[in-house]
N, C-alpha and C. Protein backbone atom coordinates (compact mmCIF):
# COMPACT_ATOMS: atom_id res chain seq x y z
N MET A 1 19.14 19.96 -13.14
CA MET A 1 18.54 18.62 -13.20
C MET A 1 19.05 17.70 -11.98
N SER A 2 18.18 16.84 -11.72
CA SER A 2 18.61 16.02 -10.52
C SER A 2 19.57 14.92 -10.95
N HIS A 3 20.28 14.26 -9.88
CA HIS A 3 21.13 13.19 -10.21
C HIS A 3 20.45 12.04 -10.55
N ILE A 4 20.82 11.45 -11.69
CA ILE A 4 20.33 10.09 -12.26
C ILE A 4 20.67 8.90 -11.45
N ASN A 5 19.59 8.22 -10.85
CA ASN A 5 20.01 7.05 -10.15
C ASN A 5 19.94 5.70 -10.97
N ARG A 6 20.92 5.03 -11.14
CA ARG A 6 21.24 3.91 -11.85
C ARG A 6 20.65 2.71 -11.05
N VAL A 7 19.66 2.02 -11.78
CA VAL A 7 18.98 0.99 -11.13
C VAL A 7 19.30 -0.46 -11.63
N LEU A 8 19.49 -1.44 -10.65
CA LEU A 8 19.69 -2.77 -10.86
C LEU A 8 18.47 -3.50 -10.56
N LEU A 9 17.68 -4.22 -11.50
CA LEU A 9 16.51 -4.99 -11.23
C LEU A 9 16.82 -6.47 -10.94
N VAL A 10 16.68 -6.86 -9.90
CA VAL A 10 16.74 -8.48 -9.56
C VAL A 10 15.64 -9.04 -9.23
N GLU A 11 15.00 -9.62 -10.26
CA GLU A 11 13.61 -10.16 -10.20
C GLU A 11 13.51 -11.29 -11.07
N PRO A 12 12.95 -12.64 -10.57
CA PRO A 12 12.90 -13.82 -11.49
C PRO A 12 11.92 -13.71 -12.46
N SER A 13 10.95 -13.03 -12.33
CA SER A 13 9.79 -12.81 -13.30
C SER A 13 9.98 -11.59 -14.31
N LYS A 14 10.23 -12.16 -15.60
CA LYS A 14 10.54 -11.21 -16.50
C LYS A 14 9.43 -10.07 -16.72
N GLU A 15 8.17 -10.70 -16.53
CA GLU A 15 6.86 -9.86 -16.68
C GLU A 15 6.98 -8.73 -15.55
N HIS A 16 7.33 -9.01 -14.42
CA HIS A 16 7.47 -8.05 -13.21
C HIS A 16 8.52 -7.03 -13.53
N ARG A 17 9.70 -7.61 -14.05
CA ARG A 17 10.81 -6.64 -14.40
C ARG A 17 10.56 -5.68 -15.17
N GLU A 18 9.71 -6.15 -16.51
CA GLU A 18 9.24 -5.24 -17.49
C GLU A 18 8.41 -4.25 -17.03
N ARG A 19 7.32 -4.56 -16.15
CA ARG A 19 6.58 -3.39 -15.57
C ARG A 19 7.28 -2.52 -14.66
N ILE A 20 8.24 -2.71 -13.99
CA ILE A 20 9.13 -1.94 -13.20
C ILE A 20 9.85 -0.97 -14.12
N LYS A 21 10.50 -1.66 -15.07
CA LYS A 21 11.36 -0.94 -15.85
C LYS A 21 10.59 0.15 -16.67
N TYR A 22 9.39 -0.26 -17.23
CA TYR A 22 8.50 0.74 -17.95
C TYR A 22 8.23 1.82 -17.02
N LEU A 23 7.98 1.57 -15.59
CA LEU A 23 7.55 2.65 -14.64
C LEU A 23 8.73 3.70 -14.41
N LEU A 24 9.83 2.91 -14.23
CA LEU A 24 11.04 3.72 -14.04
C LEU A 24 11.46 4.62 -15.12
N GLU A 25 11.36 4.06 -16.45
CA GLU A 25 11.73 4.75 -17.55
C GLU A 25 10.93 6.09 -17.80
N LEU A 26 9.79 6.23 -17.06
CA LEU A 26 9.13 7.35 -17.30
C LEU A 26 9.43 8.55 -16.43
N ASP A 27 10.47 8.18 -15.47
CA ASP A 27 11.01 9.06 -14.62
C ASP A 27 12.59 9.47 -14.83
N PRO A 28 12.83 10.62 -15.03
CA PRO A 28 14.23 10.99 -15.50
C PRO A 28 15.27 10.79 -14.18
N LEU A 29 14.55 10.61 -13.11
CA LEU A 29 15.53 10.36 -11.81
C LEU A 29 16.14 9.05 -11.81
N PHE A 30 15.42 8.05 -12.58
CA PHE A 30 15.90 6.71 -12.67
C PHE A 30 16.37 6.30 -14.14
N GLU A 31 17.53 5.23 -14.13
CA GLU A 31 17.85 4.57 -15.30
C GLU A 31 18.06 3.23 -15.00
N VAL A 32 17.40 2.26 -15.68
CA VAL A 32 17.63 0.77 -15.35
C VAL A 32 18.82 0.53 -16.19
N VAL A 33 19.87 -0.01 -15.61
CA VAL A 33 21.38 -0.31 -16.17
C VAL A 33 21.45 -1.79 -16.28
N ALA A 34 20.65 -2.49 -15.55
CA ALA A 34 20.81 -4.02 -15.74
C ALA A 34 19.79 -4.72 -14.94
N GLU A 35 19.44 -6.02 -15.50
CA GLU A 35 18.42 -6.79 -14.85
C GLU A 35 18.75 -8.20 -14.92
N THR A 36 18.34 -8.89 -13.86
CA THR A 36 18.73 -10.38 -13.77
C THR A 36 17.77 -10.96 -12.92
N GLY A 37 17.39 -12.25 -13.01
CA GLY A 37 16.68 -13.00 -12.10
C GLY A 37 17.45 -14.02 -11.25
N CYS A 38 18.73 -13.79 -11.19
CA CYS A 38 19.61 -14.70 -10.42
C CYS A 38 20.37 -13.84 -9.37
N GLY A 39 20.60 -14.32 -8.28
CA GLY A 39 21.41 -13.65 -7.18
C GLY A 39 22.79 -13.45 -7.38
N ARG A 40 23.41 -14.66 -7.90
CA ARG A 40 24.94 -14.57 -8.23
C ARG A 40 25.21 -13.44 -9.36
N ASP A 41 24.44 -13.43 -10.35
CA ASP A 41 24.63 -12.26 -11.38
C ASP A 41 24.45 -11.01 -10.84
N ALA A 42 23.42 -10.77 -9.78
CA ALA A 42 23.17 -9.55 -9.21
C ALA A 42 24.26 -9.17 -8.39
N ILE A 43 25.02 -10.01 -7.70
CA ILE A 43 26.16 -9.64 -6.82
C ILE A 43 27.36 -9.24 -7.71
N SER A 44 27.51 -9.93 -8.91
CA SER A 44 28.52 -9.38 -9.88
C SER A 44 28.24 -8.08 -10.43
N LEU A 45 27.04 -7.78 -10.78
CA LEU A 45 26.62 -6.62 -11.32
C LEU A 45 26.65 -5.51 -10.42
N ALA A 46 26.41 -5.76 -9.12
CA ALA A 46 26.39 -4.60 -8.05
C ALA A 46 27.86 -4.21 -7.86
N GLY A 47 28.90 -5.27 -8.07
CA GLY A 47 30.29 -4.96 -8.00
C GLY A 47 30.80 -4.16 -9.19
N SER A 48 30.46 -4.66 -10.39
CA SER A 48 31.16 -4.10 -11.61
C SER A 48 30.24 -2.73 -12.04
N LEU A 49 28.97 -2.63 -11.96
CA LEU A 49 28.39 -1.40 -12.41
C LEU A 49 28.03 -0.34 -11.33
N LYS A 50 28.21 -0.67 -10.01
CA LYS A 50 27.97 0.21 -8.93
C LYS A 50 26.64 0.97 -9.17
N PRO A 51 25.55 0.26 -9.31
CA PRO A 51 24.40 1.06 -9.36
C PRO A 51 24.11 1.77 -7.96
N GLU A 52 23.12 2.77 -8.11
CA GLU A 52 22.95 3.62 -6.81
C GLU A 52 21.70 2.91 -6.13
N VAL A 53 20.93 2.13 -6.94
CA VAL A 53 19.74 1.58 -6.41
C VAL A 53 19.56 0.10 -6.97
N ALA A 54 19.11 -0.80 -5.89
CA ALA A 54 18.85 -2.20 -6.45
C ALA A 54 17.48 -2.70 -5.87
N LEU A 55 16.54 -3.20 -6.81
CA LEU A 55 15.37 -3.76 -6.38
C LEU A 55 15.55 -5.11 -6.51
N VAL A 56 15.47 -5.89 -5.09
CA VAL A 56 15.61 -7.44 -5.15
C VAL A 56 14.45 -8.12 -4.68
N ALA A 57 13.98 -9.15 -5.28
CA ALA A 57 13.00 -9.93 -4.95
C ALA A 57 13.25 -10.93 -3.85
N VAL A 58 12.41 -11.29 -3.02
CA VAL A 58 12.64 -12.36 -1.91
C VAL A 58 13.19 -13.54 -2.41
N GLU A 59 12.63 -14.11 -3.46
CA GLU A 59 13.02 -15.45 -3.95
C GLU A 59 13.56 -15.29 -5.43
N LEU A 60 14.79 -15.70 -5.71
CA LEU A 60 15.45 -15.55 -7.00
C LEU A 60 15.71 -17.02 -7.45
N HIS A 61 16.16 -17.09 -8.70
CA HIS A 61 16.26 -18.41 -9.37
C HIS A 61 17.43 -19.32 -8.59
N ASP A 62 18.24 -18.62 -8.09
CA ASP A 62 19.51 -19.52 -7.40
C ASP A 62 19.66 -19.43 -6.10
N MET A 63 19.04 -18.34 -5.44
CA MET A 63 19.40 -17.99 -4.06
C MET A 63 18.29 -17.07 -3.46
N LYS A 64 18.33 -17.01 -2.19
CA LYS A 64 17.31 -16.05 -1.53
C LYS A 64 17.67 -14.54 -1.78
N GLY A 65 16.64 -13.80 -1.83
CA GLY A 65 16.99 -12.32 -2.08
C GLY A 65 17.69 -11.75 -0.94
N ILE A 66 17.40 -12.16 0.40
CA ILE A 66 18.08 -11.61 1.58
C ILE A 66 19.57 -11.96 1.41
N LYS A 67 20.01 -13.22 1.20
CA LYS A 67 21.39 -13.45 1.06
C LYS A 67 21.98 -12.56 -0.06
N THR A 68 21.22 -12.49 -1.14
CA THR A 68 21.84 -11.56 -2.38
C THR A 68 22.10 -10.22 -1.91
N ILE A 69 21.17 -9.76 -1.03
CA ILE A 69 21.38 -8.24 -0.62
C ILE A 69 22.62 -8.08 0.33
N GLN A 70 22.78 -9.22 1.08
CA GLN A 70 24.09 -9.29 2.11
C GLN A 70 25.28 -9.07 1.14
N GLU A 71 25.31 -9.93 0.21
CA GLU A 71 26.56 -10.13 -0.55
C GLU A 71 26.67 -8.77 -1.58
N MET A 72 25.66 -8.30 -2.06
CA MET A 72 25.64 -7.10 -2.89
C MET A 72 26.15 -5.87 -2.09
N LYS A 73 25.79 -5.86 -0.87
CA LYS A 73 26.20 -4.60 -0.16
C LYS A 73 27.57 -4.63 0.43
N LYS A 74 28.12 -5.90 0.24
CA LYS A 74 29.71 -6.12 0.43
C LYS A 74 30.31 -5.51 -0.76
N MET A 75 29.66 -5.71 -2.08
CA MET A 75 30.38 -5.14 -3.29
C MET A 75 30.21 -3.84 -3.61
N ASN A 76 28.98 -3.23 -2.79
CA ASN A 76 28.80 -1.95 -3.22
C ASN A 76 28.03 -1.29 -1.92
N PRO A 77 28.65 -0.98 -0.97
CA PRO A 77 28.07 -0.64 0.31
C PRO A 77 27.13 0.61 0.26
N GLN A 78 27.39 1.49 -0.69
CA GLN A 78 26.69 2.76 -0.74
C GLN A 78 25.33 2.44 -1.44
N MET A 79 25.06 1.51 -2.17
CA MET A 79 23.84 1.23 -2.82
C MET A 79 22.67 1.06 -2.01
N ILE A 80 21.52 1.82 -2.37
CA ILE A 80 20.35 1.62 -1.66
C ILE A 80 19.65 0.48 -2.35
N VAL A 81 19.30 -0.57 -1.29
CA VAL A 81 18.61 -1.72 -1.74
C VAL A 81 17.31 -1.77 -1.08
N VAL A 82 16.25 -2.17 -2.06
CA VAL A 82 14.98 -2.55 -1.65
C VAL A 82 14.57 -3.92 -1.88
N LEU A 83 13.99 -4.47 -0.68
CA LEU A 83 13.56 -5.85 -1.03
C LEU A 83 12.25 -5.77 -1.39
N GLN A 84 11.77 -6.68 -2.53
CA GLN A 84 10.36 -6.68 -3.13
C GLN A 84 9.70 -8.08 -2.66
N ALA A 85 8.64 -7.95 -2.16
CA ALA A 85 7.97 -9.18 -1.50
C ALA A 85 6.48 -9.19 -2.02
N GLU A 86 5.94 -10.43 -2.08
CA GLU A 86 4.61 -10.58 -2.31
C GLU A 86 3.56 -10.24 -1.26
N SER A 87 3.97 -10.36 -0.19
CA SER A 87 3.15 -9.95 1.02
C SER A 87 4.01 -9.21 2.05
N ALA A 88 3.19 -8.58 3.04
CA ALA A 88 3.82 -7.84 4.12
C ALA A 88 4.21 -8.96 5.26
N ASP A 89 5.54 -9.11 5.13
CA ASP A 89 6.00 -10.29 6.04
C ASP A 89 6.88 -9.52 7.05
N VAL A 90 6.64 -9.58 8.29
CA VAL A 90 7.54 -8.85 9.23
C VAL A 90 8.88 -9.40 9.32
N GLY A 91 9.06 -10.68 9.15
CA GLY A 91 10.16 -11.51 9.20
C GLY A 91 11.12 -11.03 8.06
N HIS A 92 10.50 -11.02 6.82
CA HIS A 92 11.36 -10.65 5.94
C HIS A 92 11.75 -9.32 5.93
N PHE A 93 10.87 -8.35 6.33
CA PHE A 93 11.28 -6.94 6.56
C PHE A 93 12.28 -6.75 7.45
N PHE A 94 12.35 -7.24 8.63
CA PHE A 94 13.39 -7.07 9.56
C PHE A 94 14.67 -7.63 9.20
N GLU A 95 14.65 -8.88 8.58
CA GLU A 95 15.69 -9.57 8.07
C GLU A 95 16.59 -8.77 7.01
N ALA A 96 15.71 -8.23 6.16
CA ALA A 96 16.40 -7.55 5.05
C ALA A 96 16.98 -6.25 5.47
N LEU A 97 16.37 -5.57 6.57
CA LEU A 97 16.98 -4.36 7.14
C LEU A 97 18.38 -4.90 7.83
N LYS A 98 18.42 -6.10 8.45
CA LYS A 98 19.60 -6.49 9.11
C LYS A 98 20.64 -6.73 8.28
N ARG A 99 20.36 -7.24 7.00
CA ARG A 99 21.27 -7.57 5.72
C ARG A 99 21.71 -6.30 5.18
N GLY A 100 21.23 -5.13 5.32
CA GLY A 100 21.84 -4.08 4.65
C GLY A 100 20.62 -3.29 3.64
N ALA A 101 19.44 -3.84 3.64
CA ALA A 101 18.42 -3.19 2.84
C ALA A 101 18.02 -1.76 3.50
N GLN A 102 17.58 -1.08 2.70
CA GLN A 102 17.11 0.27 3.14
C GLN A 102 15.61 0.53 2.95
N GLY A 103 15.06 -0.51 2.30
CA GLY A 103 13.56 -0.46 2.12
C GLY A 103 12.94 -1.69 1.70
N TYR A 104 11.63 -1.86 1.90
CA TYR A 104 10.77 -2.91 1.54
C TYR A 104 9.59 -2.51 0.81
N LEU A 105 9.22 -3.07 -0.40
CA LEU A 105 8.14 -2.92 -1.22
C LEU A 105 7.34 -4.14 -1.51
N LEU A 106 6.01 -3.90 -1.53
CA LEU A 106 5.09 -5.05 -1.86
C LEU A 106 4.80 -5.02 -3.42
N LYS A 107 5.02 -6.12 -4.05
CA LYS A 107 4.93 -6.04 -5.55
C LYS A 107 3.35 -5.68 -5.93
N SER A 108 2.57 -5.92 -4.99
CA SER A 108 1.17 -5.58 -5.30
C SER A 108 0.84 -4.03 -5.11
N LEU A 109 1.72 -3.21 -4.77
CA LEU A 109 1.52 -1.79 -4.37
C LEU A 109 1.06 -1.19 -5.89
N HIS A 110 0.14 -0.37 -5.60
CA HIS A 110 -0.31 0.53 -6.99
C HIS A 110 0.97 1.16 -7.45
N PRO A 111 1.08 1.17 -8.83
CA PRO A 111 2.19 1.71 -9.45
C PRO A 111 2.60 3.10 -9.01
N ALA A 112 1.55 3.96 -8.66
CA ALA A 112 1.81 5.33 -8.39
C ALA A 112 2.60 5.41 -7.02
N SER A 113 2.15 4.42 -6.08
CA SER A 113 2.58 4.26 -4.61
C SER A 113 4.04 3.86 -4.80
N PHE A 114 4.25 2.86 -5.75
CA PHE A 114 5.56 2.21 -5.78
C PHE A 114 6.54 3.33 -6.25
N HIS A 115 6.14 4.20 -7.18
CA HIS A 115 6.97 5.03 -7.82
C HIS A 115 7.30 6.22 -6.87
N GLU A 116 6.21 6.58 -6.09
CA GLU A 116 6.39 7.63 -5.11
C GLU A 116 7.38 7.19 -3.92
N TYR A 117 7.23 5.93 -3.51
CA TYR A 117 8.07 5.39 -2.51
C TYR A 117 9.58 5.40 -2.87
N LEU A 118 9.89 4.87 -4.14
CA LEU A 118 11.21 4.94 -4.69
C LEU A 118 11.67 6.27 -4.65
N ARG A 119 10.95 7.33 -5.29
CA ARG A 119 11.51 8.54 -5.19
C ARG A 119 11.72 9.17 -3.93
N SER A 120 10.90 8.92 -2.92
CA SER A 120 11.22 9.31 -1.51
C SER A 120 12.33 8.59 -0.92
N LEU A 121 12.47 7.42 -1.27
CA LEU A 121 13.63 6.67 -0.78
C LEU A 121 15.03 7.32 -1.34
N VAL A 122 15.07 7.63 -2.55
CA VAL A 122 16.43 8.22 -2.75
C VAL A 122 16.51 9.68 -2.62
N ILE A 123 15.39 10.30 -2.60
CA ILE A 123 15.47 11.78 -2.27
C ILE A 123 15.54 12.17 -0.80
N GLU A 124 14.50 11.53 -0.04
CA GLU A 124 14.42 11.85 1.39
C GLU A 124 14.73 10.63 2.16
N ASP A 125 15.33 9.57 1.90
CA ASP A 125 15.69 8.60 2.64
C ASP A 125 14.50 7.93 3.77
N VAL A 126 13.33 7.92 3.04
CA VAL A 126 12.20 7.32 3.57
C VAL A 126 12.42 5.74 3.49
N THR A 127 12.27 5.14 4.62
CA THR A 127 12.48 3.56 4.53
C THR A 127 11.39 2.73 4.20
N LEU A 128 10.05 3.28 4.54
CA LEU A 128 8.80 2.42 4.39
C LEU A 128 7.76 3.22 4.05
N PRO A 129 7.09 2.80 2.84
CA PRO A 129 5.90 3.54 2.47
C PRO A 129 4.86 3.46 3.62
N ARG A 130 3.97 4.44 3.83
CA ARG A 130 2.89 4.33 4.73
C ARG A 130 1.98 3.26 4.71
N GLU A 131 1.53 2.94 3.54
CA GLU A 131 0.64 1.78 3.26
C GLU A 131 1.26 0.61 3.60
N LEU A 132 2.46 0.22 3.45
CA LEU A 132 3.08 -1.10 3.84
C LEU A 132 3.28 -0.87 5.33
N GLY A 133 3.82 0.09 5.87
CA GLY A 133 3.88 0.18 7.37
C GLY A 133 2.64 -0.06 8.12
N TYR A 134 1.51 0.46 7.57
CA TYR A 134 0.23 -0.04 8.19
C TYR A 134 -0.04 -1.60 8.10
N GLN A 135 0.35 -2.09 6.94
CA GLN A 135 -0.12 -3.59 6.77
C GLN A 135 0.93 -4.49 7.69
N ILE A 136 2.18 -4.06 7.92
CA ILE A 136 3.07 -4.78 8.68
C ILE A 136 2.63 -4.63 10.15
N LEU A 137 2.38 -3.30 10.55
CA LEU A 137 1.80 -3.14 11.97
C LEU A 137 0.69 -3.97 12.24
N LYS A 138 -0.21 -3.94 11.42
CA LYS A 138 -1.41 -4.66 11.50
C LYS A 138 -1.32 -6.04 11.75
N GLN A 139 -0.34 -6.67 10.83
CA GLN A 139 -0.01 -8.07 11.03
C GLN A 139 0.78 -8.36 12.21
N PHE A 140 1.47 -7.46 12.63
CA PHE A 140 2.43 -7.65 13.91
C PHE A 140 1.36 -7.74 15.23
N VAL A 141 0.66 -6.77 15.08
CA VAL A 141 -0.33 -6.60 16.29
C VAL A 141 -1.33 -7.84 16.39
N THR A 142 -1.89 -8.16 15.22
CA THR A 142 -2.89 -9.06 15.31
C THR A 142 -2.30 -10.61 15.44
N GLU A 143 -0.94 -10.65 15.19
CA GLU A 143 -0.32 -11.97 15.48
C GLU A 143 0.00 -12.26 16.99
N ASN A 144 0.18 -11.19 17.55
CA ASN A 144 0.56 -11.09 18.95
C ASN A 144 -0.49 -11.13 20.00
N ILE A 145 -1.70 -11.07 19.56
CA ILE A 145 -2.99 -10.92 20.34
C ILE A 145 -3.65 -12.41 20.41
N PRO A 146 -3.92 -12.92 21.62
CA PRO A 146 -4.64 -14.19 21.57
C PRO A 146 -5.91 -14.09 20.87
N HIS A 147 -6.34 -15.35 20.25
CA HIS A 147 -7.56 -15.40 19.36
C HIS A 147 -8.58 -14.85 20.23
N GLY A 148 -9.51 -14.15 19.51
CA GLY A 148 -10.81 -13.76 20.30
C GLY A 148 -10.79 -12.50 21.32
N ILE A 149 -9.57 -12.15 21.69
CA ILE A 149 -9.42 -11.12 22.39
C ILE A 149 -8.94 -9.78 21.59
N ARG A 150 -9.73 -8.70 22.05
CA ARG A 150 -9.57 -7.27 21.28
C ARG A 150 -8.75 -6.53 22.42
N PRO A 151 -7.77 -5.85 21.93
CA PRO A 151 -6.94 -4.85 22.76
C PRO A 151 -7.81 -3.85 23.28
N LEU A 152 -7.78 -3.40 24.48
CA LEU A 152 -8.49 -2.42 25.11
C LEU A 152 -7.49 -1.24 25.47
N LEU A 153 -7.89 -0.04 25.22
CA LEU A 153 -7.26 1.16 25.48
C LEU A 153 -7.88 1.71 26.72
N SER A 154 -7.14 1.92 27.79
CA SER A 154 -7.71 2.68 29.08
C SER A 154 -7.10 4.07 29.08
N ARG A 155 -7.80 4.87 29.99
CA ARG A 155 -7.24 6.09 30.35
C ARG A 155 -6.04 5.93 31.44
N LYS A 156 -5.02 6.67 31.32
CA LYS A 156 -3.84 6.73 32.23
C LYS A 156 -4.57 7.16 33.67
N ARG A 157 -4.27 6.43 34.70
CA ARG A 157 -4.78 6.99 35.95
C ARG A 157 -3.92 8.18 36.48
N GLN A 158 -4.52 8.97 37.00
CA GLN A 158 -4.12 10.18 37.59
C GLN A 158 -4.02 9.88 39.08
N HIS A 159 -2.81 10.02 39.70
CA HIS A 159 -2.52 9.99 40.92
C HIS A 159 -2.56 11.28 41.76
């Protein structure tokens, strides 16, 4: 049998926490050991429970998720941390990685994609689901192209 990954859910929405908890309970690879909507509680729980995985929302009741991640990683550096966001925000993604997160998930992802990504993160160390990667790259490319201009691909000249 595979190693059970103890999970800390850090999400202000009780409804969203319940959905994630239900999804994770279907998989023997995961066990939800604690949940909270507050960053300070999450930091304390990360230190005392030493979970293997933490899912952290961008916005919490008392502080930003990115700051929470940074402090949690000080308490439990080996923990795999995934930032959960409402939208594919390149800034949040890169800031989360700089602060110690190993992954980034959209709350709107289909439950099967959400579950597949979490499994691949703990088993294979995959940092970004393909669907999210596409959305981030699409946003990044379109934000850096002047309005009305379409990028052109040309053949490499042969000399």
